[in-house]
Each structure stands twice: as C-alpha cells, then as structure tokens.
Amino acid sequence: MWQKIIGWFKHLFSRQAPVHREENGLWWQEDKGTVKVGLASRVIEELGDITFLATPTVDEQVDRNDQLIDIEGGKAVETFKSPVTGKVSRVYEGYQDDPTSLAKAVDPLLVEIQPA
C-alpha cells in the first residue's frame, strides 16, 4: 500500500519534459540538457519495408532545420530536419546496422543532440 502512495507522489512531482510531435512524424524531447530525436511508428509503417537509414555521426555539428535523418522505404523516401542547433552526442546505431528493425520499435529514438 505504501509503495503505491510513494509511487503516486513520485509521479505527481516528477517533471518530465513534454514530447514535441511534428506533423511529419518527427518527435523530440529535452531531457537533462540533451534533445532526444526519434520517429513516430506511423511514419515508419507508412514508408513500407525500410531499406535505408542515414543519420549524422557522433560529434557532428547540426543546425536547426539541417537535414538530420534520411529514411528510405518501399513506398517513399523521407528527410527529416533537426529541431535544434547543437552537436550530436549519440546515434542509435542498431537501426543503422539493421534498418528493418525500425518496424519492430515503437516510436524509435534515433539521435541525441547537445544543444548549442
């Protein structure tokens, strides 16, 4: 019983930043000084069989509205722009190695950026 009450208080007072969802399917969230960027599952589904994924490399500088993610599926090719200016601090390379695995993920996180 106490654990439920403690969990409720933790949830009540936790200050998780909102997830920003853009019309094109890109989502991003600020988290402890880092901006996490991913794609909505619906976009991946709409693209069909994913055959190619390109993202910047770690330590690469990106500007707001620069090309950030390129993804190619059986039905279309899409390019997504960076929501912020900064330096790429992490790339989730498992998706680079096997782009088809994107279809199995829910709103996959692809890149983390340290804002400038």
PDB file of N, CA and C in Angstrom:
ATOM      1  N   MET A   1       0.834  -1.193   0.000  1.00  0.00           N
ATOM      2  CA  MET A   1       0.000   0.000   0.000  1.00  0.00           C
ATOM      3  C   MET A   1       0.876   1.254   0.000  1.00  0.00           C
ATOM      4  N   TRP A   2       1.902   1.268   0.875  1.00  0.00           N
ATOM      5  CA  TRP A   2       2.770   2.448   0.951  1.00  0.00           C
ATOM      6  C   TRP A   2       3.532   2.673  -0.344  1.00  0.00           C
ATOM      7  N   GLN A   3       3.911   1.586  -0.987  1.00  0.00           N
ATOM      8  CA  GLN A   3       4.646   1.738  -2.240  1.00  0.00           C
ATOM      9  C   GLN A   3       3.779   2.389  -3.314  1.00  0.00           C
ATOM     10  N   LYS A   4       2.478   2.090  -3.318  1.00  0.00           N
ATOM     11  CA  LYS A   4       1.579   2.739  -4.276  1.00  0.00           C
ATOM     12  C   LYS A   4       1.482   4.233  -3.993  1.00  0.00           C
ATOM     13  N   ILE A   5       1.412   4.592  -2.727  1.00  0.00           N
ATOM     14  CA  ILE A   5       1.323   6.006  -2.344  1.00  0.00           C
ATOM     15  C   ILE A   5       2.620   6.728  -2.701  1.00  0.00           C
ATOM     16  N   ILE A   6       3.752   6.114  -2.405  1.00  0.00           N
ATOM     17  CA  ILE A   6       5.045   6.710  -2.732  1.00  0.00           C
ATOM     18  C   ILE A   6       5.178   6.849  -4.244  1.00  0.00           C
ATOM     19  N   GLY A   7       4.788   5.820  -4.999  1.00  0.00           N
ATOM     20  CA  GLY A   7       4.833   5.883  -6.452  1.00  0.00           C
ATOM     21  C   GLY A   7       3.955   6.995  -6.995  1.00  0.00           C
ATOM     22  N   TRP A   8       2.790   7.177  -6.407  1.00  0.00           N
ATOM     23  CA  TRP A   8       1.884   8.238  -6.835  1.00  0.00           C
ATOM     24  C   TRP A   8       2.504   9.609  -6.611  1.00  0.00           C
ATOM     25  N   PHE A   9       3.145   9.812  -5.439  1.00  0.00           N
ATOM     26  CA  PHE A   9       3.805  11.084  -5.148  1.00  0.00           C
ATOM     27  C   PHE A   9       4.985  11.331  -6.096  1.00  0.00           C
ATOM     28  N   LYS A  10       5.761  10.295  -6.370  1.00  0.00           N
ATOM     29  CA  LYS A  10       6.883  10.449  -7.302  1.00  0.00           C
ATOM     30  C   LYS A  10       6.371  10.864  -8.671  1.00  0.00           C
ATOM     31  N   HIS A  11       5.309  10.219  -9.111  1.00  0.00           N
ATOM     32  CA  HIS A  11       4.729  10.558 -10.408  1.00  0.00           C
ATOM     33  C   HIS A  11       4.179  11.981 -10.406  1.00  0.00           C
ATOM     34  N   LEU A  12       3.534  12.352  -9.327  1.00  0.00           N
ATOM     35  CA  LEU A  12       2.927  13.673  -9.206  1.00  0.00           C
ATOM     36  C   LEU A  12       3.974  14.780  -9.297  1.00  0.00           C
ATOM     37  N   PHE A  13       5.132  14.571  -8.684  1.00  0.00           N
ATOM     38  CA  PHE A  13       6.151  15.610  -8.613  1.00  0.00           C
ATOM     39  C   PHE A  13       7.286  15.461  -9.629  1.00  0.00           C
ATOM     40  N   SER A  14       7.223  14.423 -10.463  1.00  0.00           N
ATOM     41  CA  SER A  14       8.263  14.300 -11.491  1.00  0.00           C
ATOM     42  C   SER A  14       7.987  15.321 -12.577  1.00  0.00           C
ATOM     43  N   ARG A  15       9.041  15.914 -13.085  1.00  0.00           N
ATOM     44  CA  ARG A  15       8.913  16.987 -14.070  1.00  0.00           C
ATOM     45  C   ARG A  15       9.516  16.545 -15.401  1.00  0.00           C
ATOM     46  N   GLN A  16       8.872  15.614 -16.058  1.00  0.00           N
ATOM     47  CA  GLN A  16       9.376  15.158 -17.340  1.00  0.00           C
ATOM     48  C   GLN A  16       8.958  16.160 -18.410  1.00  0.00           C
ATOM     49  N   ALA A  17       9.887  16.509 -19.247  1.00  0.00           N
ATOM     50  CA  ALA A  17       9.627  17.476 -20.315  1.00  0.00           C
ATOM     51  C   ALA A  17       8.636  16.888 -21.320  1.00  0.00           C
ATOM     52  N   PRO A  18       7.834  17.752 -21.936  1.00  0.00           N
ATOM     53  CA  PRO A  18       6.870  17.255 -22.924  1.00  0.00           C
ATOM     54  C   PRO A  18       7.557  16.742 -24.190  1.00  0.00           C
ATOM     55  N   VAL A  19       6.889  15.829 -24.846  1.00  0.00           N
ATOM     56  CA  VAL A  19       7.366  15.328 -26.132  1.00  0.00           C
ATOM     57  C   VAL A  19       6.740  16.198 -27.211  1.00  0.00           C
ATOM     58  N   HIS A  20       7.570  16.768 -28.055  1.00  0.00           N
ATOM     59  CA  HIS A  20       7.106  17.605 -29.161  1.00  0.00           C
ATOM     60  C   HIS A  20       6.947  16.716 -30.390  1.00  0.00           C
ATOM     61  N   ARG A  21       5.761  16.711 -30.965  1.00  0.00           N
ATOM     62  CA  ARG A  21       5.492  15.888 -32.148  1.00  0.00           C
ATOM     63  C   ARG A  21       5.194  16.795 -33.334  1.00  0.00           C
ATOM     64  N   GLU A  22       5.982  16.637 -34.380  1.00  0.00           N
ATOM     65  CA  GLU A  22       5.787  17.447 -35.572  1.00  0.00           C
ATOM     66  C   GLU A  22       4.884  16.699 -36.553  1.00  0.00           C
ATOM     67  N   GLU A  23       4.249  17.442 -37.423  1.00  0.00           N
ATOM     68  CA  GLU A  23       3.302  16.857 -38.376  1.00  0.00           C
ATOM     69  C   GLU A  23       3.918  15.788 -39.259  1.00  0.00           C
ATOM     70  N   ASN A  24       5.193  15.927 -39.579  1.00  0.00           N
ATOM     71  CA  ASN A  24       5.851  14.978 -40.477  1.00  0.00           C
ATOM     72  C   ASN A  24       6.217  13.662 -39.792  1.00  0.00           C
ATOM     73  N   GLY A  25       5.993  13.559 -38.473  1.00  0.00           N
ATOM     74  CA  GLY A  25       6.275  12.317 -37.761  1.00  0.00           C
ATOM     75  C   GLY A  25       7.526  12.351 -36.899  1.00  0.00           C
ATOM     76  N   LEU A  26       8.314  13.399 -36.997  1.00  0.00           N
ATOM     77  CA  LEU A  26       9.490  13.541 -36.138  1.00  0.00           C
ATOM     78  C   LEU A  26       9.024  13.911 -34.735  1.00  0.00           C
ATOM     79  N   TRP A  27       9.634  13.329 -33.717  1.00  0.00           N
ATOM     80  CA  TRP A  27       9.344  13.743 -32.340  1.00  0.00           C
ATOM     81  C   TRP A  27      10.664  14.055 -31.663  1.00  0.00           C
ATOM     82  N   TRP A  28      10.598  14.948 -30.669  1.00  0.00           N
ATOM     83  CA  TRP A  28      11.797  15.279 -29.902  1.00  0.00           C
ATOM     84  C   TRP A  28      11.402  15.690 -28.491  1.00  0.00           C
ATOM     85  N   GLN A  29      12.355  15.498 -27.587  1.00  0.00           N
ATOM     86  CA  GLN A  29      12.121  15.784 -26.171  1.00  0.00           C
ATOM     87  C   GLN A  29      13.428  16.218 -25.521  1.00  0.00           C
ATOM     88  N   GLU A  30      13.355  17.306 -24.759  1.00  0.00           N
ATOM     89  CA  GLU A  30      14.522  17.725 -23.977  1.00  0.00           C
ATOM     90  C   GLU A  30      14.566  16.888 -22.717  1.00  0.00           C
ATOM     91  N   ASP A  31      15.747  16.378 -22.391  1.00  0.00           N
ATOM     92  CA  ASP A  31      15.906  15.534 -21.220  1.00  0.00           C
ATOM     93  C   ASP A  31      17.277  15.781 -20.607  1.00  0.00           C
ATOM     94  N   LYS A  32      17.296  16.520 -19.510  1.00  0.00           N
ATOM     95  CA  LYS A  32      18.536  16.775 -18.775  1.00  0.00           C
ATOM     96  C   LYS A  32      19.633  17.361 -19.667  1.00  0.00           C
ATOM     97  N   GLY A  33      19.282  18.368 -20.449  1.00  0.00           N
ATOM     98  CA  GLY A  33      20.264  19.045 -21.284  1.00  0.00           C
ATOM     99  C   GLY A  33      20.550  18.394 -22.616  1.00  0.00           C
ATOM    100  N   THR A  34      19.842  17.328 -22.921  1.00  0.00           N
ATOM    101  CA  THR A  34      20.002  16.638 -24.195  1.00  0.00           C
ATOM    102  C   THR A  34      18.656  16.629 -24.911  1.00  0.00           C
ATOM    103  N   VAL A  35      18.696  16.757 -26.227  1.00  0.00           N
ATOM    104  CA  VAL A  35      17.474  16.649 -27.019  1.00  0.00           C
ATOM    105  C   VAL A  35      17.478  15.288 -27.698  1.00  0.00           C
ATOM    106  N   LYS A  36      16.473  14.485 -27.367  1.00  0.00           N
ATOM    107  CA  LYS A  36      16.324  13.159 -27.952  1.00  0.00           C
ATOM    108  C   LYS A  36      15.396  13.290 -29.153  1.00  0.00           C
ATOM    109  N   VAL A  37      15.792  12.665 -30.272  1.00  0.00           N
ATOM    110  CA  VAL A  37      15.036  12.789 -31.513  1.00  0.00           C
ATOM    111  C   VAL A  37      14.722  11.400 -32.055  1.00  0.00           C
ATOM    112  N   GLY A  38      13.458  11.216 -32.437  1.00  0.00           N
ATOM    113  CA  GLY A  38      13.052   9.933 -32.997  1.00  0.00           C
ATOM    114  C   GLY A  38      11.950  10.107 -34.022  1.00  0.00           C
ATOM    115  N   LEU A  39      11.419   8.983 -34.471  1.00  0.00           N
ATOM    116  CA  LEU A  39      10.345   8.996 -35.465  1.00  0.00           C
ATOM    117  C   LEU A  39       9.127   8.255 -34.939  1.00  0.00           C
ATOM    118  N   ALA A  40       7.966   8.742 -35.309  1.00  0.00           N
ATOM    119  CA  ALA A  40       6.721   8.097 -34.941  1.00  0.00           C
ATOM    120  C   ALA A  40       6.577   6.785 -35.710  1.00  0.00           C
ATOM    121  N   SER A  41       6.049   5.794 -35.048  1.00  0.00           N
ATOM    122  CA  SER A  41       5.857   4.485 -35.675  1.00  0.00           C
ATOM    123  C   SER A  41       4.978   4.567 -36.913  1.00  0.00           C
ATOM    124  N   ARG A  42       4.025   5.477 -36.910  1.00  0.00           N
ATOM    125  CA  ARG A  42       3.107   5.594 -38.051  1.00  0.00           C
ATOM    126  C   ARG A  42       3.864   5.959 -39.330  1.00  0.00           C
ATOM    127  N   VAL A  43       4.901   6.788 -39.226  1.00  0.00           N
ATOM    128  CA  VAL A  43       5.692   7.183 -40.397  1.00  0.00           C
ATOM    129  C   VAL A  43       6.443   5.975 -40.944  1.00  0.00           C
ATOM    130  N   ILE A  44       7.025   5.212 -40.056  1.00  0.00           N
ATOM    131  CA  ILE A  44       7.778   4.030 -40.470  1.00  0.00           C
ATOM    132  C   ILE A  44       6.840   3.038 -41.150  1.00  0.00           C
ATOM    133  N   GLU A  45       5.664   2.883 -40.595  1.00  0.00           N
ATOM    134  CA  GLU A  45       4.663   1.998 -41.182  1.00  0.00           C
ATOM    135  C   GLU A  45       4.242   2.488 -42.570  1.00  0.00           C
ATOM    136  N   GLU A  46       4.047   3.792 -42.709  1.00  0.00           N
ATOM    137  CA  GLU A  46       3.630   4.372 -43.994  1.00  0.00           C
ATOM    138  C   GLU A  46       4.701   4.216 -45.075  1.00  0.00           C
ATOM    139  N   LEU A  47       5.979   4.194 -44.677  1.00  0.00           N
ATOM    140  CA  LEU A  47       7.071   4.066 -45.636  1.00  0.00           C
ATOM    141  C   LEU A  47       7.199   2.656 -46.206  1.00  0.00           C
ATOM    142  N   GLY A  48       6.622   1.697 -45.543  1.00  0.00           N
ATOM    143  CA  GLY A  48       6.734   0.309 -46.001  1.00  0.00           C
ATOM    144  C   GLY A  48       8.018  -0.324 -45.507  1.00  0.00           C
ATOM    145  N   ASP A  49       8.519  -1.285 -46.239  1.00  0.00           N
ATOM    146  CA  ASP A  49       9.743  -2.000 -45.846  1.00  0.00           C
ATOM    147  C   ASP A  49      10.923  -1.034 -45.867  1.00  0.00           C
ATOM    148  N   ILE A  50      11.503  -0.790 -44.687  1.00  0.00           N
ATOM    149  CA  ILE A  50      12.620   0.147 -44.569  1.00  0.00           C
ATOM    150  C   ILE A  50      13.888  -0.520 -45.108  1.00  0.00           C
ATOM    151  N   THR A  51      14.552   0.173 -46.039  1.00  0.00           N
ATOM    152  CA  THR A  51      15.757  -0.382 -46.653  1.00  0.00           C
ATOM    153  C   THR A  51      17.008   0.433 -46.358  1.00  0.00           C
ATOM    154  N   PHE A  52      16.828   1.686 -45.903  1.00  0.00           N
ATOM    155  CA  PHE A  52      17.987   2.555 -45.709  1.00  0.00           C
ATOM    156  C   PHE A  52      17.677   3.593 -44.636  1.00  0.00           C
ATOM    157  N   LEU A  53      18.661   3.866 -43.784  1.00  0.00           N
ATOM    158  CA  LEU A  53      18.564   4.902 -42.754  1.00  0.00           C
ATOM    159  C   LEU A  53      19.913   5.600 -42.659  1.00  0.00           C
ATOM    160  N   ALA A  54      19.883   6.932 -42.702  1.00  0.00           N
ATOM    161  CA  ALA A  54      21.117   7.705 -42.559  1.00  0.00           C
ATOM    162  C   ALA A  54      20.894   8.786 -41.510  1.00  0.00           C
ATOM    163  N   THR A  55      21.843   8.887 -40.597  1.00  0.00           N
ATOM    164  CA  THR A  55      21.831   9.917 -39.559  1.00  0.00           C
ATOM    165  C   THR A  55      23.234  10.515 -39.487  1.00  0.00           C
ATOM    166  N   PRO A  56      23.383  11.666 -38.831  1.00  0.00           N
ATOM    167  CA  PRO A  56      24.734  12.207 -38.664  1.00  0.00           C
ATOM    168  C   PRO A  56      25.551  11.321 -37.726  1.00  0.00           C
ATOM    169  N   THR A  57      26.839  11.584 -37.653  1.00  0.00           N
ATOM    170  CA  THR A  57      27.720  10.824 -36.769  1.00  0.00           C
ATOM    171  C   THR A  57      27.890  11.564 -35.443  1.00  0.00           C
ATOM    172  N   VAL A  58      28.355  10.848 -34.443  1.00  0.00           N
ATOM    173  CA  VAL A  58      28.627  11.439 -33.131  1.00  0.00           C
ATOM    174  C   VAL A  58      29.659  12.555 -33.296  1.00  0.00           C
ATOM    175  N   ASP A  59      29.453  13.636 -32.601  1.00  0.00           N
ATOM    176  CA  ASP A  59      30.279  14.844 -32.598  1.00  0.00           C
ATOM    177  C   ASP A  59      30.057  15.731 -33.824  1.00  0.00           C
ATOM    178  N   GLU A  60      29.168  15.342 -34.712  1.00  0.00           N
ATOM    179  CA  GLU A  60      28.856  16.187 -35.871  1.00  0.00           C
ATOM    180  C   GLU A  60      27.986  17.359 -35.417  1.00  0.00           C
ATOM    181  N   GLN A  61      28.304  18.534 -35.917  1.00  0.00           N
ATOM    182  CA  GLN A  61      27.543  19.755 -35.614  1.00  0.00           C
ATOM    183  C   GLN A  61      26.346  19.833 -36.556  1.00  0.00           C
ATOM    184  N   VAL A  62      25.164  20.115 -36.006  1.00  0.00           N
ATOM    185  CA  VAL A  62      23.970  20.302 -36.834  1.00  0.00           C
ATOM    186  C   VAL A  62      23.320  21.634 -36.463  1.00  0.00           C
ATOM    187  N   ASP A  63      22.728  22.262 -37.453  1.00  0.00           N
ATOM    188  CA  ASP A  63      21.971  23.497 -37.231  1.00  0.00           C
ATOM    189  C   ASP A  63      20.488  23.187 -37.330  1.00  0.00           C
ATOM    190  N   ARG A  64      19.710  24.004 -36.665  1.00  0.00           N
ATOM    191  CA  ARG A  64      18.255  23.845 -36.740  1.00  0.00           C
ATOM    192  C   ARG A  64      17.861  23.873 -38.220  1.00  0.00           C
ATOM    193  N   ASN A  65      16.998  22.970 -38.593  1.00  0.00           N
ATOM    194  CA  ASN A  65      16.488  22.799 -39.958  1.00  0.00           C
ATOM    195  C   ASN A  65      17.487  22.186 -40.939  1.00  0.00           C
ATOM    196  N   ASP A  66      18.661  21.760 -40.458  1.00  0.00           N
ATOM    197  CA  ASP A  66      19.569  20.981 -41.305  1.00  0.00           C
ATOM    198  C   ASP A  66      18.989  19.582 -41.485  1.00  0.00           C
ATOM    199  N   GLN A  67      19.374  18.934 -42.566  1.00  0.00           N
ATOM    200  CA  GLN A  67      18.988  17.546 -42.790  1.00  0.00           C
ATOM    201  C   GLN A  67      19.563  16.708 -41.648  1.00  0.00           C
ATOM    202  N   LEU A  68      18.707  15.933 -40.973  1.00  0.00           N
ATOM    203  CA  LEU A  68      19.149  15.148 -39.825  1.00  0.00           C
ATOM    204  C   LEU A  68      18.992  13.650 -40.063  1.00  0.00           C
ATOM    205  N   ILE A  69      17.835  13.250 -40.566  1.00  0.00           N
ATOM    206  CA  ILE A  69      17.542  11.830 -40.759  1.00  0.00           C
ATOM    207  C   ILE A  69      17.009  11.613 -42.166  1.00  0.00           C
ATOM    208  N   ASP A  70      17.592  10.653 -42.882  1.00  0.00           N
ATOM    209  CA  ASP A  70      17.076  10.204 -44.173  1.00  0.00           C
ATOM    210  C   ASP A  70      16.647   8.755 -44.004  1.00  0.00           C
ATOM    211  N   ILE A  71      15.461   8.454 -44.478  1.00  0.00           N
ATOM    212  CA  ILE A  71      14.957   7.096 -44.358  1.00  0.00           C
ATOM    213  C   ILE A  71      14.272   6.716 -45.667  1.00  0.00           C
ATOM    214  N   GLU A  72      14.563   5.508 -46.124  1.00  0.00           N
ATOM    215  CA  GLU A  72      14.008   5.039 -47.384  1.00  0.00           C
ATOM    216  C   GLU A  72      13.231   3.761 -47.134  1.00  0.00           C
ATOM    217  N   GLY A  73      12.018   3.756 -47.653  1.00  0.00           N
ATOM    218  CA  GLY A  73      11.175   2.573 -47.542  1.00  0.00           C
ATOM    219  C   GLY A  73      10.720   2.123 -48.909  1.00  0.00           C
ATOM    220  N   GLY A  74       9.931   1.071 -48.944  1.00  0.00           N
ATOM    221  CA  GLY A  74       9.429   0.543 -50.199  1.00  0.00           C
ATOM    222  C   GLY A  74       8.485   1.493 -50.907  1.00  0.00           C
ATOM    223  N   LYS A  75       7.872   2.411 -50.173  1.00  0.00           N
ATOM    224  CA  LYS A  75       6.882   3.313 -50.753  1.00  0.00           C
ATOM    225  C   LYS A  75       7.377   4.742 -50.946  1.00  0.00           C
ATOM    226  N   ALA A  76       8.395   5.170 -50.219  1.00  0.00           N
ATOM    227  CA  ALA A  76       8.836   6.568 -50.301  1.00  0.00           C
ATOM    228  C   ALA A  76      10.201   6.752 -49.642  1.00  0.00           C
ATOM    229  N   VAL A  77      10.760   7.941 -49.875  1.00  0.00           N
ATOM    230  CA  VAL A  77      11.994   8.381 -49.216  1.00  0.00           C
ATOM    231  C   VAL A  77      11.643   9.661 -48.467  1.00  0.00           C
ATOM    232  N   GLU A  78      12.064   9.765 -47.215  1.00  0.00           N
ATOM    233  CA  GLU A  78      11.753  10.939 -46.399  1.00  0.00           C
ATOM    234  C   GLU A  78      13.023  11.511 -45.796  1.00  0.00           C
ATOM    235  N   THR A  79      13.054  12.836 -45.657  1.00  0.00           N
ATOM    236  CA  THR A  79      14.135  13.544 -44.991  1.00  0.00           C
ATOM    237  C   THR A  79      13.524  14.346 -43.852  1.00  0.00           C
ATOM    238  N   PHE A  80      14.150  14.265 -42.678  1.00  0.00           N
ATOM    239  CA  PHE A  80      13.672  14.990 -41.506  1.00  0.00           C
ATOM    240  C   PHE A  80      14.744  15.970 -41.060  1.00  0.00           C
ATOM    241  N   LYS A  81      14.321  17.138 -40.653  1.00  0.00           N
ATOM    242  CA  LYS A  81      15.250  18.218 -40.284  1.00  0.00           C
ATOM    243  C   LYS A  81      15.456  18.272 -38.775  1.00  0.00           C
ATOM    244  N   SER A  82      16.617  18.774 -38.376  1.00  0.00           N
ATOM    245  CA  SER A  82      16.962  18.894 -36.969  1.00  0.00           C
ATOM    246  C   SER A  82      16.074  19.936 -36.280  1.00  0.00           C
ATOM    247  N   PRO A  83      15.536  19.601 -35.115  1.00  0.00           N
ATOM    248  CA  PRO A  83      14.717  20.562 -34.389  1.00  0.00           C
ATOM    249  C   PRO A  83      15.531  21.596 -33.623  1.00  0.00           C
ATOM    250  N   VAL A  84      16.852  21.359 -33.458  1.00  0.00           N
ATOM    251  CA  VAL A  84      17.709  22.258 -32.686  1.00  0.00           C
ATOM    252  C   VAL A  84      19.095  22.356 -33.310  1.00  0.00           C
ATOM    253  N   THR A  85      19.841  23.364 -32.875  1.00  0.00           N
ATOM    254  CA  THR A  85      21.244  23.509 -33.228  1.00  0.00           C
ATOM    255  C   THR A  85      22.079  22.896 -32.110  1.00  0.00           C
ATOM    256  N   GLY A  86      23.090  22.139 -32.470  1.00  0.00           N
ATOM    257  CA  GLY A  86      23.945  21.545 -31.450  1.00  0.00           C
ATOM    258  C   GLY A  86      24.863  20.482 -32.024  1.00  0.00           C
ATOM    259  N   LYS A  87      25.428  19.676 -31.125  1.00  0.00           N
ATOM    260  CA  LYS A  87      26.362  18.627 -31.513  1.00  0.00           C
ATOM    261  C   LYS A  87      25.732  17.273 -31.208  1.00  0.00           C
ATOM    262  N   VAL A  88      25.798  16.368 -32.175  1.00  0.00           N
ATOM    263  CA  VAL A  88      25.247  15.027 -32.000  1.00  0.00           C
ATOM    264  C   VAL A  88      26.073  14.304 -30.939  1.00  0.00           C
ATOM    265  N   SER A  89      25.393  13.858 -29.889  1.00  0.00           N
ATOM    266  CA  SER A  89      26.099  13.197 -28.792  1.00  0.00           C
ATOM    267  C   SER A  89      25.914  11.676 -28.798  1.00  0.00           C
ATOM    268  N   ARG A  90      24.882  11.206 -29.494  1.00  0.00           N
ATOM    269  CA  ARG A  90      24.655   9.760 -29.548  1.00  0.00           C
ATOM    270  C   ARG A  90      23.818   9.428 -30.778  1.00  0.00           C
ATOM    271  N   VAL A  91      24.170   8.316 -31.413  1.00  0.00           N
ATOM    272  CA  VAL A  91      23.401   7.783 -32.533  1.00  0.00           C
ATOM    273  C   VAL A  91      23.069   6.336 -32.177  1.00  0.00           C
ATOM    274  N   TYR A  92      21.821   5.983 -32.304  1.00  0.00           N
ATOM    275  CA  TYR A  92      21.399   4.618 -32.003  1.00  0.00           C
ATOM    276  C   TYR A  92      21.699   3.754 -33.225  1.00  0.00           C
ATOM    277  N   GLU A  93      22.905   3.190 -33.225  1.00  0.00           N
ATOM    278  CA  GLU A  93      23.467   2.533 -34.397  1.00  0.00           C
ATOM    279  C   GLU A  93      22.830   1.196 -34.732  1.00  0.00           C
ATOM    280  N   GLY A  94      22.126   0.602 -33.810  1.00  0.00           N
ATOM    281  CA  GLY A  94      21.464  -0.670 -34.108  1.00  0.00           C
ATOM    282  C   GLY A  94      20.519  -0.535 -35.287  1.00  0.00           C
ATOM    283  N   TYR A  95      19.882   0.609 -35.384  1.00  0.00           N
ATOM    284  CA  TYR A  95      18.971   0.856 -36.502  1.00  0.00           C
ATOM    285  C   TYR A  95      19.746   1.100 -37.804  1.00  0.00           C
ATOM    286  N   GLN A  96      20.938   1.664 -37.694  1.00  0.00           N
ATOM    287  CA  GLN A  96      21.778   1.871 -38.873  1.00  0.00           C
ATOM    288  C   GLN A  96      22.193   0.515 -39.459  1.00  0.00           C
ATOM    289  N   ASP A  97      22.578  -0.391 -38.563  1.00  0.00           N
ATOM    290  CA  ASP A  97      23.048  -1.707 -38.978  1.00  0.00           C
ATOM    291  C   ASP A  97      21.924  -2.560 -39.568  1.00  0.00           C
ATOM    292  N   ASP A  98      20.701  -2.373 -39.039  1.00  0.00           N
ATOM    293  CA  ASP A  98      19.551  -3.156 -39.495  1.00  0.00           C
ATOM    294  C   ASP A  98      18.322  -2.264 -39.560  1.00  0.00           C
ATOM    295  N   PRO A  99      18.166  -1.491 -40.629  1.00  0.00           N
ATOM    296  CA  PRO A  99      17.038  -0.564 -40.742  1.00  0.00           C
ATOM    297  C   PRO A  99      15.673  -1.247 -40.653  1.00  0.00           C
ATOM    298  N   THR A 100      15.602  -2.532 -41.002  1.00  0.00           N
ATOM    299  CA  THR A 100      14.320  -3.239 -40.924  1.00  0.00           C
ATOM    300  C   THR A 100      13.834  -3.352 -39.482  1.00  0.00           C
ATOM    301  N   SER A 101      14.748  -3.248 -38.511  1.00  0.00           N
ATOM    302  CA  SER A 101      14.355  -3.352 -37.102  1.00  0.00           C
ATOM    303  C   SER A 101      13.523  -2.153 -36.650  1.00  0.00           C
ATOM    304  N   LEU A 102      13.514  -1.068 -37.424  1.00  0.00           N
ATOM    305  CA  LEU A 102      12.676   0.087 -37.095  1.00  0.00           C
ATOM    306  C   LEU A 102      11.201  -0.295 -37.056  1.00  0.00           C
ATOM    307  N   ALA A 103      10.804  -1.227 -37.905  1.00  0.00           N
ATOM    308  CA  ALA A 103       9.411  -1.643 -37.969  1.00  0.00           C
ATOM    309  C   ALA A 103       8.953  -2.323 -36.684  1.00  0.00           C
ATOM    310  N   LYS A 104       9.883  -2.869 -35.921  1.00  0.00           N
ATOM    311  CA  LYS A 104       9.549  -3.569 -34.681  1.00  0.00           C
ATOM    312  C   LYS A 104       9.522  -2.636 -33.474  1.00  0.00           C
ATOM    313  N   ALA A 105      10.077  -1.437 -33.615  1.00  0.00           N
ATOM    314  CA  ALA A 105      10.189  -0.494 -32.493  1.00  0.00           C
ATOM    315  C   ALA A 105       8.972   0.423 -32.432  1.00  0.00           C
ATOM    316  N   VAL A 106       8.663   0.893 -31.236  1.00  0.00           N
ATOM    317  CA  VAL A 106       7.580   1.857 -31.043  1.00  0.00           C
ATOM    318  C   VAL A 106       8.206   3.235 -30.887  1.00  0.00           C
ATOM    319  N   ASP A 107       7.887   4.131 -31.810  1.00  0.00           N
ATOM    320  CA  ASP A 107       8.436   5.489 -31.810  1.00  0.00           C
ATOM    321  C   ASP A 107       9.937   5.486 -31.522  1.00  0.00           C
ATOM    322  N   PRO A 108      10.731   4.837 -32.375  1.00  0.00           N
ATOM    323  CA  PRO A 108      12.159   4.651 -32.080  1.00  0.00           C
ATOM    324  C   PRO A 108      12.942   5.953 -31.926  1.00  0.00           C
ATOM    325  N   LEU A 109      13.801   5.940 -30.928  1.00  0.00           N
ATOM    326  CA  LEU A 109      14.736   7.034 -30.664  1.00  0.00           C
ATOM    327  C   LEU A 109      15.961   6.799 -31.549  1.00  0.00           C
ATOM    328  N   LEU A 110      16.357   7.824 -32.326  1.00  0.00           N
ATOM    329  CA  LEU A 110      17.440   7.642 -33.284  1.00  0.00           C
ATOM    330  C   LEU A 110      18.709   8.425 -32.980  1.00  0.00           C
ATOM    331  N   VAL A 111      18.567   9.642 -32.439  1.00  0.00           N
ATOM    332  CA  VAL A 111      19.708  10.538 -32.258  1.00  0.00           C
ATOM    333  C   VAL A 111      19.521  11.358 -30.985  1.00  0.00           C
ATOM    334  N   GLU A 112      20.631  11.692 -30.331  1.00  0.00           N
ATOM    335  CA  GLU A 112      20.606  12.629 -29.223  1.00  0.00           C
ATOM    336  C   GLU A 112      21.543  13.794 -29.574  1.00  0.00           C
ATOM    337  N   ILE A 113      21.094  15.011 -29.258  1.00  0.00           N
ATOM    338  CA  ILE A 113      21.842  16.215 -29.595  1.00  0.00           C
ATOM    339  C   ILE A 113      22.056  17.057 -28.333  1.00  0.00           C
ATOM    340  N   GLN A 114      23.290  17.527 -28.150  1.00  0.00           N
ATOM    341  CA  GLN A 114      23.589  18.507 -27.094  1.00  0.00           C
ATOM    342  C   GLN A 114      23.363  19.882 -27.690  1.00  0.00           C
ATOM    343  N   PRO A 115      22.332  20.601 -27.258  1.00  0.00           N
ATOM    344  CA  PRO A 115      22.055  21.921 -27.845  1.00  0.00           C
ATOM    345  C   PRO A 115      23.202  22.900 -27.623  1.00  0.00           C
ATOM    346  N   ALA A 116      23.385  23.769 -28.598  1.00  0.00           N
ATOM    347  CA  ALA A 116      24.443  24.795 -28.521  1.00  0.00           C
ATOM    348  C   ALA A 116      23.953  25.979 -27.731  1.00  0.00           C
TER     349      ALA A 116
END
